[in-house]
Amino acid sequence: MRTIRVETTSATILLTEAPEPKVRDRQTGEVAKDAVSGETLMKVGVAYIDEGESSLIHVTVPESGVTDGLALGSPVSLPGLVARPWDSVFNGQQRHGIAYRAAAVAPGALPTGGQN
């Protein structure tokens, strides 16, 4: 599926959930790995605020992209943030959504002009 680059320059992105290993299979507890590098994938929760609207999203980042200095409630940056629509059938039910992935998560700053 196509990936869509997410523009973040005017957005305020706040860390709402600390990075933790992304689970691939809930029944076995298997941790998700990058298909190319084999690196462990991490999941972080953020509030994405732009143009007066906000969304709570989970973003997948490689373990090596999780930087020091992250604090809950603080602004973060998500370089290389992309969105990828997905759909699947689970237990006979059609499911769909948007998966978010970034190259890293790092301490950030509020956009110029303050919060939106």
N, C-alpha and C. Protein backbone atom coordinates (compact mmCIF):
# COMPACT_ATOMS: atom_id res chain seq x y z
N MET A 1 0.83 -1.19 0.00
CA MET A 1 0.00 0.00 0.00
C MET A 1 0.87 1.25 0.00
N ARG A 2 0.30 2.31 -0.46
CA ARG A 2 0.99 3.59 -0.55
C ARG A 2 1.18 4.20 0.83
N THR A 3 2.34 4.83 1.02
CA THR A 3 2.56 5.59 2.24
C THR A 3 2.39 7.07 1.91
N ILE A 4 1.87 7.82 2.87
CA ILE A 4 1.60 9.24 2.70
C ILE A 4 2.44 10.01 3.71
N ARG A 5 3.25 10.93 3.23
CA ARG A 5 4.10 11.73 4.10
C ARG A 5 3.21 12.68 4.91
N VAL A 6 3.46 12.76 6.21
CA VAL A 6 2.67 13.63 7.09
C VAL A 6 3.49 14.88 7.40
N GLU A 7 2.93 16.03 7.06
CA GLU A 7 3.59 17.31 7.31
C GLU A 7 3.46 17.67 8.79
N THR A 8 4.58 17.90 9.46
CA THR A 8 4.54 18.16 10.90
C THR A 8 5.06 19.54 11.30
N THR A 9 5.48 20.36 10.34
CA THR A 9 6.13 21.62 10.70
C THR A 9 5.22 22.57 11.48
N SER A 10 3.93 22.58 11.22
CA SER A 10 3.04 23.50 11.93
C SER A 10 2.30 22.83 13.09
N ALA A 11 2.53 21.54 13.29
CA ALA A 11 1.80 20.78 14.31
C ALA A 11 2.51 20.81 15.66
N THR A 12 1.71 20.69 16.70
CA THR A 12 2.23 20.45 18.04
C THR A 12 2.04 18.96 18.30
N ILE A 13 3.13 18.29 18.67
CA ILE A 13 3.08 16.85 18.92
C ILE A 13 3.57 16.64 20.35
N LEU A 14 2.69 16.09 21.20
CA LEU A 14 3.01 15.88 22.61
C LEU A 14 3.05 14.39 22.92
N LEU A 15 4.04 13.97 23.68
CA LEU A 15 4.18 12.57 24.07
C LEU A 15 3.14 12.22 25.12
N THR A 16 2.28 11.21 24.84
CA THR A 16 1.24 10.80 25.79
C THR A 16 1.49 9.41 26.36
N GLU A 17 2.29 8.60 25.67
CA GLU A 17 2.63 7.25 26.15
C GLU A 17 4.10 6.99 25.87
N ALA A 18 4.84 6.56 26.90
CA ALA A 18 6.26 6.27 26.76
C ALA A 18 6.50 5.14 25.76
N PRO A 19 7.65 5.15 25.09
CA PRO A 19 7.96 4.08 24.15
C PRO A 19 7.97 2.72 24.83
N GLU A 20 7.39 1.74 24.13
CA GLU A 20 7.41 0.35 24.61
C GLU A 20 7.47 -0.55 23.39
N PRO A 21 7.99 -1.76 23.56
CA PRO A 21 8.07 -2.67 22.41
C PRO A 21 6.68 -2.91 21.81
N LYS A 22 6.63 -2.90 20.48
CA LYS A 22 5.38 -3.16 19.77
C LYS A 22 5.17 -4.67 19.72
N VAL A 23 3.98 -5.11 20.12
CA VAL A 23 3.67 -6.54 20.14
C VAL A 23 3.07 -6.93 18.80
N ARG A 24 3.66 -7.95 18.17
CA ARG A 24 3.17 -8.43 16.88
C ARG A 24 2.01 -9.40 17.05
N ASP A 25 2.12 -10.27 18.06
CA ASP A 25 1.11 -11.30 18.30
C ASP A 25 0.74 -11.27 19.78
N ARG A 26 -0.47 -10.81 20.09
CA ARG A 26 -0.89 -10.68 21.49
C ARG A 26 -0.99 -12.02 22.20
N GLN A 27 -1.31 -13.08 21.46
CA GLN A 27 -1.45 -14.40 22.10
C GLN A 27 -0.11 -14.95 22.56
N THR A 28 0.94 -14.75 21.74
CA THR A 28 2.25 -15.30 22.10
C THR A 28 3.16 -14.27 22.76
N GLY A 29 2.82 -12.99 22.62
CA GLY A 29 3.67 -11.93 23.15
C GLY A 29 4.85 -11.61 22.26
N GLU A 30 4.84 -12.14 21.03
CA GLU A 30 5.95 -11.91 20.10
C GLU A 30 6.08 -10.42 19.81
N VAL A 31 7.32 -9.92 19.90
CA VAL A 31 7.61 -8.51 19.65
C VAL A 31 7.80 -8.30 18.15
N ALA A 32 7.28 -7.18 17.63
CA ALA A 32 7.39 -6.86 16.21
C ALA A 32 8.83 -6.47 15.86
N LYS A 33 9.26 -6.92 14.68
CA LYS A 33 10.60 -6.60 14.17
C LYS A 33 10.45 -5.96 12.80
N ASP A 34 11.38 -5.09 12.43
CA ASP A 34 11.39 -4.49 11.11
C ASP A 34 11.67 -5.60 10.09
N ALA A 35 10.88 -5.63 9.02
CA ALA A 35 11.00 -6.69 8.01
C ALA A 35 12.34 -6.66 7.29
N VAL A 36 12.97 -5.51 7.16
CA VAL A 36 14.23 -5.39 6.44
C VAL A 36 15.43 -5.55 7.37
N SER A 37 15.46 -4.77 8.45
CA SER A 37 16.64 -4.74 9.33
C SER A 37 16.59 -5.76 10.46
N GLY A 38 15.39 -6.23 10.81
CA GLY A 38 15.25 -7.14 11.94
C GLY A 38 15.27 -6.44 13.29
N GLU A 39 15.34 -5.12 13.26
CA GLU A 39 15.39 -4.33 14.49
C GLU A 39 14.04 -4.34 15.20
N THR A 40 14.07 -4.35 16.54
CA THR A 40 12.85 -4.29 17.34
C THR A 40 12.12 -2.98 17.07
N LEU A 41 10.81 -3.06 16.93
CA LEU A 41 9.99 -1.87 16.72
C LEU A 41 9.35 -1.44 18.03
N MET A 42 9.27 -0.15 18.23
CA MET A 42 8.70 0.43 19.43
C MET A 42 7.43 1.19 19.06
N LYS A 43 6.53 1.33 20.03
CA LYS A 43 5.27 2.06 19.86
C LYS A 43 5.26 3.21 20.85
N VAL A 44 4.92 4.41 20.37
CA VAL A 44 4.75 5.57 21.24
C VAL A 44 3.39 6.19 20.99
N GLY A 45 2.80 6.74 22.02
CA GLY A 45 1.52 7.44 21.89
C GLY A 45 1.77 8.94 21.89
N VAL A 46 1.10 9.64 20.97
CA VAL A 46 1.25 11.09 20.89
C VAL A 46 -0.10 11.75 20.66
N ALA A 47 -0.19 12.99 21.06
CA ALA A 47 -1.31 13.85 20.69
C ALA A 47 -0.79 14.72 19.55
N TYR A 48 -1.46 14.62 18.40
CA TYR A 48 -1.08 15.39 17.21
C TYR A 48 -2.09 16.52 17.08
N ILE A 49 -1.63 17.76 17.23
CA ILE A 49 -2.51 18.93 17.23
C ILE A 49 -2.11 19.85 16.08
N ASP A 50 -3.07 20.13 15.19
CA ASP A 50 -2.79 21.00 14.06
C ASP A 50 -4.08 21.67 13.61
N GLU A 51 -4.00 22.95 13.33
CA GLU A 51 -5.13 23.74 12.85
C GLU A 51 -6.36 23.59 13.74
N GLY A 52 -6.17 23.59 15.05
CA GLY A 52 -7.27 23.54 16.00
C GLY A 52 -7.89 22.18 16.20
N GLU A 53 -7.36 21.14 15.56
CA GLU A 53 -7.88 19.78 15.73
C GLU A 53 -6.79 18.90 16.32
N SER A 54 -7.22 17.91 17.11
CA SER A 54 -6.24 17.01 17.72
C SER A 54 -6.65 15.55 17.53
N SER A 55 -5.64 14.70 17.50
CA SER A 55 -5.86 13.26 17.40
C SER A 55 -4.85 12.57 18.30
N LEU A 56 -5.30 11.50 18.95
CA LEU A 56 -4.38 10.64 19.69
C LEU A 56 -4.01 9.51 18.76
N ILE A 57 -2.72 9.33 18.50
CA ILE A 57 -2.26 8.28 17.59
C ILE A 57 -1.09 7.52 18.20
N HIS A 58 -0.91 6.30 17.71
CA HIS A 58 0.27 5.50 18.05
C HIS A 58 1.19 5.52 16.84
N VAL A 59 2.47 5.69 17.09
CA VAL A 59 3.46 5.76 16.02
C VAL A 59 4.51 4.68 16.28
N THR A 60 4.85 3.94 15.23
CA THR A 60 5.90 2.92 15.32
C THR A 60 7.23 3.54 14.92
N VAL A 61 8.26 3.28 15.74
CA VAL A 61 9.61 3.75 15.43
C VAL A 61 10.59 2.61 15.72
N PRO A 62 11.71 2.56 14.99
CA PRO A 62 12.70 1.55 15.33
C PRO A 62 13.32 1.85 16.69
N GLU A 63 13.73 0.81 17.39
CA GLU A 63 14.30 0.99 18.73
C GLU A 63 15.46 1.98 18.72
N SER A 64 16.30 1.95 17.68
CA SER A 64 17.44 2.86 17.60
C SER A 64 17.01 4.32 17.41
N GLY A 65 15.75 4.56 17.03
CA GLY A 65 15.25 5.91 16.82
C GLY A 65 14.65 6.54 18.05
N VAL A 66 14.60 5.80 19.16
CA VAL A 66 14.07 6.35 20.42
C VAL A 66 15.23 7.05 21.13
N THR A 67 15.13 8.37 21.25
CA THR A 67 16.22 9.13 21.85
C THR A 67 15.99 9.39 23.33
N ASP A 68 17.06 9.74 24.02
CA ASP A 68 16.99 10.08 25.43
C ASP A 68 16.31 11.44 25.61
N GLY A 69 15.82 11.70 26.80
CA GLY A 69 15.25 13.00 27.13
C GLY A 69 13.77 13.13 26.86
N LEU A 70 13.09 12.02 26.56
CA LEU A 70 11.65 12.07 26.33
C LEU A 70 10.92 12.15 27.66
N ALA A 71 9.93 13.03 27.75
CA ALA A 71 9.15 13.18 28.98
C ALA A 71 7.67 13.26 28.62
N LEU A 72 6.84 12.52 29.34
CA LEU A 72 5.40 12.55 29.09
C LEU A 72 4.87 13.98 29.15
N GLY A 73 4.03 14.34 28.20
CA GLY A 73 3.44 15.66 28.15
C GLY A 73 4.29 16.69 27.44
N SER A 74 5.52 16.33 27.11
CA SER A 74 6.42 17.27 26.45
C SER A 74 6.32 17.17 24.93
N PRO A 75 6.69 18.26 24.23
CA PRO A 75 6.70 18.21 22.77
C PRO A 75 7.76 17.23 22.27
N VAL A 76 7.43 16.56 21.17
CA VAL A 76 8.39 15.66 20.52
C VAL A 76 8.37 15.94 19.02
N SER A 77 9.42 15.48 18.36
CA SER A 77 9.45 15.53 16.90
C SER A 77 9.44 14.10 16.38
N LEU A 78 8.86 13.92 15.21
CA LEU A 78 8.75 12.61 14.57
C LEU A 78 9.27 12.73 13.14
N PRO A 79 10.60 12.76 12.97
CA PRO A 79 11.14 12.90 11.62
C PRO A 79 10.72 11.74 10.72
N GLY A 80 10.39 12.08 9.50
CA GLY A 80 10.01 11.05 8.52
C GLY A 80 8.66 10.42 8.78
N LEU A 81 7.75 11.13 9.44
CA LEU A 81 6.44 10.57 9.77
C LEU A 81 5.64 10.29 8.49
N VAL A 82 5.15 9.06 8.37
CA VAL A 82 4.30 8.67 7.25
C VAL A 82 3.08 7.94 7.78
N ALA A 83 2.02 7.98 6.98
CA ALA A 83 0.78 7.27 7.30
C ALA A 83 0.55 6.25 6.19
N ARG A 84 0.06 5.06 6.59
CA ARG A 84 -0.23 4.03 5.60
C ARG A 84 -1.59 3.43 5.92
N PRO A 85 -2.55 3.59 5.00
CA PRO A 85 -3.86 2.95 5.20
C PRO A 85 -3.70 1.43 5.17
N TRP A 86 -4.51 0.73 5.97
CA TRP A 86 -4.47 -0.74 5.97
C TRP A 86 -5.88 -1.28 6.09
N ASP A 87 -6.05 -2.51 5.66
CA ASP A 87 -7.31 -3.23 5.90
C ASP A 87 -7.02 -4.72 5.96
N SER A 88 -7.84 -5.42 6.71
CA SER A 88 -7.68 -6.86 6.87
C SER A 88 -9.00 -7.46 7.34
N VAL A 89 -9.05 -8.77 7.27
CA VAL A 89 -10.21 -9.49 7.79
C VAL A 89 -9.73 -10.27 9.01
N PHE A 90 -10.41 -10.07 10.15
CA PHE A 90 -10.05 -10.75 11.39
C PHE A 90 -11.32 -11.37 11.96
N ASN A 91 -11.29 -12.67 12.17
CA ASN A 91 -12.47 -13.40 12.66
C ASN A 91 -13.71 -13.09 11.81
N GLY A 92 -13.50 -13.03 10.51
CA GLY A 92 -14.61 -12.81 9.60
C GLY A 92 -15.11 -11.38 9.51
N GLN A 93 -14.46 -10.46 10.20
CA GLN A 93 -14.89 -9.06 10.16
C GLN A 93 -13.84 -8.21 9.46
N GLN A 94 -14.31 -7.35 8.58
CA GLN A 94 -13.43 -6.42 7.87
C GLN A 94 -12.99 -5.32 8.84
N ARG A 95 -11.69 -5.07 8.90
CA ARG A 95 -11.15 -4.00 9.74
C ARG A 95 -10.27 -3.11 8.88
N HIS A 96 -10.17 -1.84 9.25
CA HIS A 96 -9.32 -0.92 8.51
C HIS A 96 -8.86 0.20 9.44
N GLY A 97 -7.82 0.89 9.02
CA GLY A 97 -7.29 1.99 9.81
C GLY A 97 -6.11 2.63 9.13
N ILE A 98 -5.36 3.39 9.91
CA ILE A 98 -4.17 4.06 9.42
C ILE A 98 -3.04 3.73 10.38
N ALA A 99 -1.93 3.24 9.83
CA ALA A 99 -0.73 2.95 10.62
C ALA A 99 0.25 4.11 10.42
N TYR A 100 0.86 4.57 11.51
CA TYR A 100 1.82 5.67 11.45
C TYR A 100 3.20 5.14 11.79
N ARG A 101 4.21 5.63 11.05
CA ARG A 101 5.58 5.21 11.30
C ARG A 101 6.50 6.40 11.11
N ALA A 102 7.52 6.49 11.96
CA ALA A 102 8.52 7.55 11.86
C ALA A 102 9.90 6.95 12.00
N ALA A 103 10.89 7.69 11.53
CA ALA A 103 12.28 7.23 11.63
C ALA A 103 12.78 7.31 13.07
N ALA A 104 12.20 8.25 13.85
CA ALA A 104 12.66 8.46 15.22
C ALA A 104 11.60 9.23 16.01
N VAL A 105 11.79 9.23 17.32
CA VAL A 105 11.04 10.12 18.21
C VAL A 105 12.07 10.80 19.10
N ALA A 106 12.03 12.13 19.12
CA ALA A 106 13.04 12.90 19.84
C ALA A 106 12.37 14.07 20.54
N PRO A 107 13.02 14.60 21.60
CA PRO A 107 12.46 15.80 22.22
C PRO A 107 12.31 16.88 21.16
N GLY A 108 11.21 17.62 21.23
CA GLY A 108 10.94 18.64 20.23
C GLY A 108 10.66 19.97 20.87
N ALA A 109 10.10 20.86 20.07
CA ALA A 109 9.74 22.19 20.53
C ALA A 109 8.37 22.52 19.99
N LEU A 110 7.71 23.47 20.63
CA LEU A 110 6.43 23.94 20.11
C LEU A 110 6.69 24.68 18.80
N PRO A 111 5.77 24.60 17.85
CA PRO A 111 5.97 25.33 16.59
C PRO A 111 6.07 26.83 16.84
N THR A 112 6.71 27.52 15.94
CA THR A 112 6.82 28.97 16.04
C THR A 112 5.42 29.56 16.14
N GLY A 113 5.21 30.40 17.12
CA GLY A 113 3.89 30.99 17.33
C GLY A 113 3.10 30.30 18.41
N GLY A 114 3.66 29.26 19.05
CA GLY A 114 2.99 28.58 20.17
C GLY A 114 2.07 27.49 19.71
N GLN A 115 1.25 27.02 20.64
CA GLN A 115 0.33 25.92 20.35
C GLN A 115 -0.79 26.39 19.45
N ASN A 116 -1.32 25.45 18.68
CA ASN A 116 -2.43 25.74 17.79
C ASN A 116 -3.74 25.64 18.51
